N, C-alpha and C. Protein backbone atom coordinates (compact mmCIF):
# COMPACT_ATOMS: atom_id res chain seq x y z
N UNK A 1 15.49 24.05 -14.40
CA UNK A 1 15.45 23.03 -15.14
C UNK A 1 14.11 24.05 -16.08
N UNK A 2 14.75 24.42 -17.65
CA UNK A 2 14.44 24.93 -18.65
C UNK A 2 12.87 23.59 -18.81
N UNK A 3 12.01 24.23 -19.46
CA UNK A 3 10.63 23.88 -20.12
C UNK A 3 11.15 22.22 -20.86
N UNK A 4 11.91 22.48 -21.73
CA UNK A 4 12.34 21.31 -22.95
C UNK A 4 12.94 20.19 -21.71
N UNK A 5 13.70 20.50 -21.20
CA UNK A 5 14.88 19.93 -19.91
C UNK A 5 13.52 19.17 -18.77
N UNK A 6 12.76 20.12 -19.43
CA UNK A 6 11.32 19.03 -18.02
C UNK A 6 10.13 18.23 -18.90
N UNK A 7 10.06 18.87 -20.24
CA UNK A 7 9.28 17.81 -21.32
C UNK A 7 10.65 16.64 -21.21
N UNK A 8 12.10 16.59 -21.40
CA UNK A 8 12.18 15.64 -22.07
C UNK A 8 12.47 14.26 -21.37
N UNK A 9 12.50 15.26 -19.50
CA UNK A 9 13.02 14.31 -18.68
C UNK A 9 10.73 13.88 -18.61
N UNK A 10 10.03 14.07 -18.14
CA UNK A 10 8.76 13.90 -18.32
C UNK A 10 8.50 12.81 -19.06
N UNK A 11 8.75 12.77 -20.69
CA UNK A 11 8.69 12.28 -21.52
C UNK A 11 9.59 10.54 -21.54
N UNK A 12 10.65 10.63 -20.55
CA UNK A 12 11.24 9.46 -20.13
C UNK A 12 10.71 8.98 -18.85
N UNK A 13 10.19 9.06 -18.35
CA UNK A 13 9.63 8.86 -17.33
C UNK A 13 8.45 8.48 -17.33
N UNK A 14 7.67 8.95 -18.16
CA UNK A 14 6.48 7.93 -18.46
C UNK A 14 6.79 7.01 -19.52
N UNK A 15 7.83 6.98 -20.08
CA UNK A 15 8.87 5.79 -20.58
C UNK A 15 8.87 4.34 -19.72
N UNK A 16 9.18 5.10 -19.09
CA UNK A 16 10.00 4.00 -18.17
C UNK A 16 8.92 3.47 -17.28
N UNK A 17 7.87 4.54 -16.59
CA UNK A 17 6.65 3.68 -16.65
C UNK A 17 6.08 2.75 -17.30
N UNK A 18 5.62 2.75 -18.22
CA UNK A 18 5.20 1.94 -18.92
C UNK A 18 5.92 0.63 -19.01
N UNK A 19 7.36 0.92 -19.31
CA UNK A 19 8.50 -0.07 -19.31
C UNK A 19 8.40 -0.83 -18.48
N UNK A 20 7.86 -0.24 -16.50
CA UNK A 20 7.74 -1.52 -15.61
C UNK A 20 6.53 -1.92 -15.32
N UNK A 21 5.76 -1.40 -16.66
CA UNK A 21 4.04 -2.38 -16.05
C UNK A 21 3.94 -3.41 -17.75
N UNK A 22 5.41 -3.89 -18.00
CA UNK A 22 5.59 -4.69 -18.92
C UNK A 22 4.77 -4.54 -20.86
N UNK A 23 5.21 -3.36 -20.95
CA UNK A 23 4.79 -2.41 -22.29
C UNK A 23 6.39 -1.73 -22.75
N UNK A 24 6.34 -1.40 -23.45
CA UNK A 24 7.96 -0.47 -24.52
C UNK A 24 8.05 0.22 -23.86
N UNK A 25 9.28 0.95 -23.18
CA UNK A 25 10.11 2.44 -23.28
C UNK A 25 8.81 3.09 -24.13
N UNK A 26 9.27 2.93 -25.41
CA UNK A 26 9.06 3.78 -26.46
C UNK A 26 7.28 3.61 -26.62
N UNK A 27 6.59 2.87 -26.68
CA UNK A 27 5.53 3.05 -26.62
C UNK A 27 4.81 4.70 -25.34
N UNK A 28 5.14 4.29 -24.46
CA UNK A 28 5.55 5.41 -23.17
C UNK A 28 5.94 6.92 -23.58
N UNK A 29 7.11 6.58 -23.92
CA UNK A 29 7.71 7.86 -24.85
C UNK A 29 6.81 8.61 -25.94
N UNK A 30 6.94 8.12 -26.87
CA UNK A 30 5.45 8.35 -27.44
C UNK A 30 3.96 8.97 -26.76
N UNK A 31 3.79 8.37 -25.82
CA UNK A 31 2.49 9.09 -24.98
C UNK A 31 3.21 9.90 -24.14
N UNK A 32 3.89 9.65 -23.87
CA UNK A 32 4.17 10.94 -22.99
C UNK A 32 4.47 12.11 -24.27
N UNK A 33 5.29 12.24 -25.46
CA UNK A 33 5.56 13.53 -26.08
C UNK A 33 4.06 13.96 -26.36
N UNK A 34 3.17 13.06 -26.69
CA UNK A 34 1.66 13.67 -27.29
C UNK A 34 1.27 14.58 -26.08
N UNK A 35 1.02 13.56 -25.03
CA UNK A 35 0.60 14.57 -23.85
C UNK A 35 1.51 15.82 -23.80
N UNK A 36 2.66 16.15 -24.23
CA UNK A 36 3.13 17.65 -23.45
C UNK A 36 3.78 18.22 -24.72
N UNK A 37 2.95 17.97 -25.58
CA UNK A 37 3.29 18.79 -27.17
C UNK A 37 1.98 19.07 -27.30
N UNK A 38 2.74 21.02 -28.15
CA UNK A 38 1.60 22.09 -27.94
C UNK A 38 0.63 21.79 -29.46
N UNK A 39 1.12 20.95 -29.58
CA UNK A 39 0.36 20.46 -31.66
C UNK A 39 -1.04 19.71 -30.93
N UNK A 40 -1.98 19.73 -31.68
CA UNK A 40 -2.73 19.08 -31.14
C UNK A 40 -2.94 17.37 -31.50
N UNK A 41 -2.27 17.61 -32.92
CA UNK A 41 -1.92 16.53 -34.04
C UNK A 41 -0.65 16.28 -34.27
N UNK A 42 0.18 15.48 -34.49
CA UNK A 42 1.86 15.22 -34.45
C UNK A 42 2.17 14.49 -35.23
N UNK A 43 2.86 14.68 -36.55
CA UNK A 43 3.10 13.60 -37.90
C UNK A 43 4.18 12.83 -37.02
N UNK A 44 4.08 11.63 -38.09
CA UNK A 44 4.41 10.49 -37.62
C UNK A 44 6.01 10.67 -37.97
N UNK A 45 6.44 11.61 -38.75
CA UNK A 45 8.12 11.59 -38.20
C UNK A 45 8.52 12.57 -37.22
N UNK A 46 7.91 13.32 -37.33
CA UNK A 46 8.04 14.22 -35.43
C UNK A 46 8.39 13.34 -34.91
N UNK A 47 8.63 12.35 -34.66
CA UNK A 47 7.76 11.44 -33.34
C UNK A 47 9.21 10.35 -33.77
N UNK A 48 9.26 10.19 -34.55
CA UNK A 48 11.00 9.50 -34.97
C UNK A 48 11.38 10.10 -35.01
N UNK A 49 11.40 12.07 -34.98
CA UNK A 49 13.24 12.72 -35.56
C UNK A 49 12.63 13.15 -33.60
N UNK A 50 11.98 13.07 -32.66
CA UNK A 50 12.09 13.62 -31.55
C UNK A 50 12.12 12.82 -30.61
N UNK A 51 12.20 11.33 -30.83
CA UNK A 51 12.48 10.65 -29.33
C UNK A 51 13.70 9.95 -30.54
N UNK A 52 14.15 10.60 -31.98
CA UNK A 52 15.84 9.20 -31.88
C UNK A 52 15.19 8.02 -31.97
N UNK A 53 13.66 7.18 -32.82
CA UNK A 53 13.58 6.49 -32.32
C UNK A 53 13.51 5.85 -34.32
N UNK A 54 13.77 4.57 -34.68
CA UNK A 54 13.41 4.54 -35.93
C UNK A 54 12.09 4.27 -36.37
N UNK A 55 11.57 4.18 -37.66
CA UNK A 55 10.22 4.05 -38.42
C UNK A 55 9.07 2.86 -37.85
N UNK A 56 10.13 1.56 -37.33
CA UNK A 56 9.91 0.69 -36.94
C UNK A 56 9.02 0.72 -35.50
N UNK A 57 10.14 1.28 -34.85
CA UNK A 57 10.08 1.72 -33.51
C UNK A 57 8.57 2.13 -33.34
N UNK A 58 8.43 3.41 -33.68
CA UNK A 58 7.58 4.29 -34.03
C UNK A 58 6.14 3.49 -34.22
N UNK A 59 6.27 2.87 -35.20
CA UNK A 59 4.82 2.08 -36.45
C UNK A 59 4.69 1.13 -34.99
N UNK A 60 5.25 0.70 -35.18
CA UNK A 60 4.95 -0.69 -33.79
C UNK A 60 4.64 -0.33 -32.41
N UNK A 61 5.27 0.31 -32.29
CA UNK A 61 4.43 1.11 -30.32
C UNK A 61 2.94 2.04 -30.93
N UNK A 62 2.96 2.78 -31.89
CA UNK A 62 1.73 3.53 -32.08
C UNK A 62 0.41 2.39 -32.45
N UNK A 63 1.44 1.49 -33.24
CA UNK A 63 -0.56 0.38 -33.18
C UNK A 63 -0.19 0.51 -31.70
N UNK A 64 0.71 -0.30 -30.69
CA UNK A 64 0.30 -1.02 -29.80
C UNK A 64 -1.06 0.50 -29.01
N UNK A 65 -0.69 1.41 -29.02
CA UNK A 65 -1.25 2.52 -28.43
C UNK A 65 -2.74 2.53 -29.52
N UNK A 66 -2.57 2.81 -29.86
CA UNK A 66 -4.42 2.85 -30.97
C UNK A 66 -4.43 0.89 -30.87
N UNK A 67 -4.21 -0.08 -30.21
CA UNK A 67 -4.99 -0.81 -29.61
C UNK A 67 -5.34 -0.68 -28.77
N UNK A 68 -4.80 0.08 -28.06
CA UNK A 68 -5.50 -0.22 -26.74
C UNK A 68 -6.08 1.71 -26.76
N UNK A 69 -6.63 2.10 -27.46
CA UNK A 69 -7.64 3.42 -27.84
C UNK A 69 -7.12 4.35 -27.07
N UNK A 70 -5.81 4.64 -26.85
CA UNK A 70 -5.16 5.69 -26.07
C UNK A 70 -4.51 6.23 -26.63
N UNK A 71 -4.51 5.98 -28.38
CA UNK A 71 -4.19 7.81 -29.07
C UNK A 71 -4.77 6.94 -30.10
N UNK A 72 -4.54 7.96 -31.53
CA UNK A 72 -6.27 7.94 -32.53
C UNK A 72 -5.28 8.04 -33.59
N UNK A 73 -4.91 7.22 -34.82
CA UNK A 73 -4.51 8.30 -35.84
C UNK A 73 -5.59 9.21 -36.83
N UNK A 74 -4.57 10.14 -37.08
CA UNK A 74 -5.67 11.94 -38.13
C UNK A 74 -5.13 11.59 -39.47
N UNK A 75 -6.11 11.61 -39.96
CA UNK A 75 -5.09 12.02 -41.15
C UNK A 75 -5.82 13.55 -41.41
N UNK A 76 -5.10 14.49 -42.57
CA UNK A 76 -6.21 15.99 -42.53
C UNK A 76 -6.32 16.17 -44.62
N UNK A 77 -6.90 16.98 -44.67
CA UNK A 77 -7.94 17.01 -46.32
C UNK A 77 -6.20 17.38 -46.78
N UNK A 78 -5.69 16.76 -47.74
CA UNK A 78 -4.58 17.54 -48.84
C UNK A 78 -3.26 17.22 -48.26
N UNK A 79 -3.52 16.40 -47.45
CA UNK A 79 -2.02 15.70 -46.49
C UNK A 79 -2.20 14.17 -46.62
N UNK A 80 -0.83 13.86 -47.41
CA UNK A 80 -0.68 12.19 -47.35
C UNK A 80 -0.20 11.36 -46.11
N UNK A 81 0.01 12.79 -45.01
CA UNK A 81 0.75 12.23 -43.53
C UNK A 81 -0.75 11.27 -42.57
N UNK A 82 0.57 11.06 -42.46
CA UNK A 82 -0.69 10.24 -40.97
C UNK A 82 -0.37 11.08 -39.87
N UNK A 83 -1.07 12.03 -38.63
CA UNK A 83 -0.54 11.77 -37.22
C UNK A 83 -1.61 11.28 -37.01
N UNK A 84 -0.71 11.41 -35.27
CA UNK A 84 -0.86 10.95 -34.31
C UNK A 84 -1.73 11.90 -32.81
N UNK A 85 -2.86 11.52 -32.26
CA UNK A 85 -3.31 12.17 -31.22
C UNK A 85 -4.04 11.98 -30.09
N UNK A 86 -3.54 12.27 -28.72
CA UNK A 86 -4.24 11.81 -27.54
C UNK A 86 -5.51 10.97 -28.73
N UNK A 87 -6.23 9.75 -27.89
CA UNK A 87 -7.63 9.71 -28.51
C UNK A 87 -8.97 9.97 -27.29
N UNK A 88 -9.37 11.88 -28.49
CA UNK A 88 -10.46 11.86 -27.68
C UNK A 88 -11.93 10.66 -27.64
N UNK A 89 -11.97 9.68 -27.83
CA UNK A 89 -12.76 8.96 -27.54
C UNK A 89 -12.69 8.12 -26.45
N UNK A 90 -11.43 8.19 -26.06
CA UNK A 90 -10.48 6.98 -24.74
C UNK A 90 -12.59 7.10 -23.42
N UNK A 91 -13.16 5.81 -24.05
CA UNK A 91 -13.49 5.61 -22.79
C UNK A 91 -13.28 4.67 -21.74
N UNK A 92 -12.22 5.64 -20.74
CA UNK A 92 -11.81 5.10 -19.72
C UNK A 92 -12.19 3.83 -18.77
N UNK A 93 -13.47 3.79 -18.35
CA UNK A 93 -14.36 3.00 -17.89
C UNK A 93 -14.29 1.64 -18.24
N UNK A 94 -14.56 1.98 -19.91
CA UNK A 94 -14.60 0.33 -20.77
C UNK A 94 -13.87 -0.12 -20.46
N UNK A 95 -12.96 0.82 -20.84
CA UNK A 95 -11.23 0.57 -20.86
C UNK A 95 -10.79 -0.24 -19.61
N UNK A 96 -11.00 0.04 -18.34
CA UNK A 96 -10.48 -0.63 -16.92
C UNK A 96 -11.40 -1.90 -16.20
N UNK A 97 -13.38 -1.56 -17.24
CA UNK A 97 -13.73 -3.00 -17.32
C UNK A 97 -12.69 -4.07 -17.95
N UNK A 98 -12.52 -3.40 -19.17
CA UNK A 98 -12.02 -5.03 -20.03
C UNK A 98 -11.21 -5.66 -18.90
N UNK A 99 -10.25 -4.60 -18.19
CA UNK A 99 -8.84 -4.91 -16.76
C UNK A 99 -10.02 -5.73 -16.03
N UNK A 100 -10.63 -5.25 -15.72
CA UNK A 100 -10.92 -6.04 -14.55
C UNK A 100 -11.62 -7.60 -15.03
N UNK A 101 -12.14 -7.68 -16.32
CA UNK A 101 -12.28 -8.95 -17.13
C UNK A 101 -10.94 -9.95 -17.06
N UNK A 102 -10.35 -9.60 -17.05
CA UNK A 102 -9.26 -10.04 -17.70
C UNK A 102 -7.92 -10.16 -16.30
N UNK A 103 -9.22 -9.54 -14.89
CA UNK A 103 -8.68 -10.35 -14.04
C UNK A 103 -9.11 -11.70 -13.43
N UNK A 104 -10.74 -10.71 -13.85
CA UNK A 104 -11.18 -12.39 -13.34
C UNK A 104 -11.24 -13.43 -14.07
N UNK A 105 -10.64 -13.59 -15.34
CA UNK A 105 -9.70 -14.65 -15.76
C UNK A 105 -8.88 -15.04 -15.52
N UNK A 106 -7.96 -13.75 -14.65
CA UNK A 106 -6.72 -14.55 -14.09
C UNK A 106 -7.03 -15.03 -12.82
N UNK A 107 -7.99 -14.70 -12.06
CA UNK A 107 -8.40 -14.97 -10.53
C UNK A 107 -9.04 -17.11 -11.10
N UNK A 108 -9.37 -16.99 -11.92
CA UNK A 108 -9.99 -18.68 -12.20
C UNK A 108 -8.59 -19.01 -12.83
N UNK A 109 -7.89 -18.80 -13.04
CA UNK A 109 -6.79 -19.72 -13.09
C UNK A 109 -6.30 -19.83 -12.50
N UNK A 110 -5.79 -19.14 -10.77
CA UNK A 110 -5.29 -19.48 -9.79
C UNK A 110 -6.64 -20.18 -9.32
N UNK A 111 -7.68 -20.40 -9.29
CA UNK A 111 -8.64 -22.16 -8.52
C UNK A 111 -8.22 -22.56 -9.34
N UNK A 112 -7.97 -22.82 -10.40
CA UNK A 112 -7.73 -23.66 -11.02
C UNK A 112 -6.65 -24.82 -10.60
N UNK A 113 -5.24 -23.87 -11.18
CA UNK A 113 -4.52 -24.03 -10.55
C UNK A 113 -4.31 -24.12 -9.03
N UNK A 114 -4.98 -23.99 -7.79
CA UNK A 114 -5.15 -24.20 -6.64
C UNK A 114 -5.66 -26.34 -6.81
N UNK A 115 -6.77 -25.95 -7.59
CA UNK A 115 -7.77 -27.23 -7.42
C UNK A 115 -6.91 -28.95 -8.22
N UNK A 116 -6.20 -28.38 -9.11
CA UNK A 116 -4.79 -28.94 -9.94
C UNK A 116 -4.26 -29.18 -8.52
N UNK A 117 -3.69 -28.44 -7.91
CA UNK A 117 -2.21 -29.05 -7.32
C UNK A 117 -2.39 -30.22 -6.35
N UNK A 118 -1.63 -31.48 -5.86
CA UNK A 118 -2.02 -32.52 -5.67
C UNK A 118 -1.67 -31.97 -3.74
N UNK A 119 -0.78 -31.46 -3.58
CA UNK A 119 -0.31 -30.83 -2.05
C UNK A 119 -1.39 -29.21 -2.36
N UNK A 120 -2.54 -28.55 -1.31
CA UNK A 120 -2.82 -28.12 -1.19
C UNK A 120 -2.85 -27.12 -0.07
N UNK A 121 -1.76 -27.21 0.91
CA UNK A 121 -1.31 -26.51 2.04
C UNK A 121 -0.19 -25.71 1.99
N UNK A 122 0.83 -26.24 1.16
CA UNK A 122 2.13 -25.91 0.84
C UNK A 122 1.80 -24.03 1.59
N UNK A 123 2.86 -23.45 0.89
CA UNK A 123 3.04 -22.08 0.82
C UNK A 123 2.50 -21.67 -1.52
N UNK A 124 2.61 -22.46 -1.77
CA UNK A 124 2.43 -21.82 -3.37
C UNK A 124 1.01 -22.25 -2.98
N UNK A 125 0.53 -22.85 -2.99
CA UNK A 125 -1.36 -23.38 -2.16
C UNK A 125 -1.85 -22.32 -1.39
N UNK A 126 -1.47 -22.12 -0.46
CA UNK A 126 -1.89 -20.77 0.50
C UNK A 126 -1.50 -19.34 -0.50
N UNK A 127 -0.43 -18.90 -1.40
CA UNK A 127 -0.30 -18.01 -2.79
C UNK A 127 -1.68 -17.71 -3.57
N UNK A 128 -1.49 -18.84 -3.92
CA UNK A 128 -2.97 -19.12 -4.76
C UNK A 128 -4.18 -18.74 -4.48
N UNK A 129 -4.18 -19.09 -2.94
CA UNK A 129 -5.49 -19.32 -2.55
C UNK A 129 -5.96 -17.71 -2.09
N UNK A 130 -4.85 -17.03 -1.72
CA UNK A 130 -4.38 -15.54 -1.17
C UNK A 130 -5.16 -14.08 -2.23
N UNK A 131 -4.22 -15.27 -3.57
CA UNK A 131 -4.32 -14.73 -4.67
C UNK A 131 -5.42 -14.36 -5.46
N UNK A 132 -6.14 -16.17 -5.35
CA UNK A 132 -7.48 -15.95 -6.22
C UNK A 132 -8.61 -14.67 -5.22
N UNK A 133 -8.57 -14.88 -3.65
CA UNK A 133 -9.51 -14.16 -2.29
C UNK A 133 -9.18 -12.46 -3.11
N UNK A 134 -7.90 -12.39 -3.78
CA UNK A 134 -7.83 -10.58 -3.60
C UNK A 134 -8.33 -10.38 -5.16
N UNK A 135 -7.75 -11.11 -6.04
CA UNK A 135 -8.16 -10.75 -7.73
C UNK A 135 -10.32 -10.95 -7.22
N UNK A 136 -11.17 -11.85 -6.24
CA UNK A 136 -12.23 -12.03 -6.55
C UNK A 136 -12.53 -11.03 -6.10
N UNK A 137 -12.11 -10.22 -4.71
CA UNK A 137 -12.48 -8.99 -4.41
C UNK A 137 -12.90 -7.70 -5.09
N UNK A 138 -11.15 -7.26 -5.72
CA UNK A 138 -11.51 -6.59 -6.78
C UNK A 138 -12.38 -6.32 -8.12
N UNK A 139 -12.92 -7.90 -8.69
CA UNK A 139 -13.26 -8.17 -9.50
C UNK A 139 -14.32 -7.56 -8.81
N UNK A 140 -15.39 -7.85 -7.68
CA UNK A 140 -16.38 -7.81 -7.03
C UNK A 140 -16.93 -6.14 -6.99
N UNK A 141 -15.47 -5.30 -6.34
CA UNK A 141 -15.60 -3.98 -5.97
C UNK A 141 -15.37 -2.91 -6.75
N UNK A 142 -14.52 -2.89 -7.81
CA UNK A 142 -14.20 -2.17 -8.58
C UNK A 142 -14.98 -1.53 -9.15
N UNK A 143 -16.34 -2.97 -10.20
CA UNK A 143 -17.11 -1.89 -11.10
C UNK A 143 -18.05 -0.76 -10.37
N UNK A 144 -17.90 -0.98 -8.75
CA UNK A 144 -18.71 -0.46 -8.28
C UNK A 144 -17.90 1.31 -7.98
N UNK A 145 -16.88 1.52 -7.55
CA UNK A 145 -15.86 2.87 -8.29
C UNK A 145 -15.83 3.59 -8.95
N UNK A 146 -16.65 2.41 -10.49
CA UNK A 146 -15.86 3.40 -12.00
C UNK A 146 -17.72 3.57 -12.22
N UNK A 147 -18.63 3.51 -12.04
CA UNK A 147 -19.94 3.41 -11.40
C UNK A 147 -19.92 4.76 -10.68
N UNK A 148 -19.33 5.11 -9.90
CA UNK A 148 -19.10 6.10 -8.93
C UNK A 148 -18.97 7.35 -10.12
N UNK A 149 -17.71 7.24 -10.15
CA UNK A 149 -17.02 8.00 -11.57
C UNK A 149 -18.00 8.11 -12.49
N UNK A 150 -18.70 7.36 -13.44
CA UNK A 150 -19.49 7.85 -14.36
C UNK A 150 -20.25 8.20 -13.73
N UNK A 151 -20.97 8.15 -12.02
CA UNK A 151 -21.77 9.00 -12.14
C UNK A 151 -21.66 10.37 -11.45
N UNK A 152 -20.66 10.63 -11.17
CA UNK A 152 -20.25 11.82 -10.80
C UNK A 152 -19.38 12.66 -12.11
N UNK A 153 -19.47 11.80 -13.80
CA UNK A 153 -18.47 12.67 -14.35
C UNK A 153 -19.77 12.23 -15.92
N UNK A 154 -21.47 12.21 -15.10
CA UNK A 154 -22.45 12.22 -16.26
C UNK A 154 -22.82 13.67 -16.84
N UNK A 155 -22.50 14.40 -16.03
CA UNK A 155 -22.96 15.56 -16.58
C UNK A 155 -21.60 17.05 -17.65
N UNK A 156 -20.26 15.88 -17.45
CA UNK A 156 -19.20 16.81 -18.31
C UNK A 156 -18.71 16.70 -19.81
């Protein structure tokens, strides 16, 4: 398989992964392209052309990636175009801690849902109990892994 075909496959594979994670395939394809591009910054029009997508689709999905702090917009002196790059300031620990906070909120919803149920012994109630226990464990344990990561990468 040629390198071009491998890159195209990688871009599509990244898109499919993003889609399976509940976001859009195009957001994943944009990120995939930025990961394999030999350019540090990629102009908006190139994203549209290479990914064969409309300006509105690229614009919407680039904004979503910027909101996730995965992609950063960039401008060059004397050039009116906007370029995009993988965000060098991406703080993965902060990103994951925000996800842990969301999981904690979800856990609280499971607990509240269980409290509001009349039948606390049926299968749905058991599901809520197990889910709350699991997310409670994740919220408690995951920050330890993130702290380990920070300690191992403090000098890098």
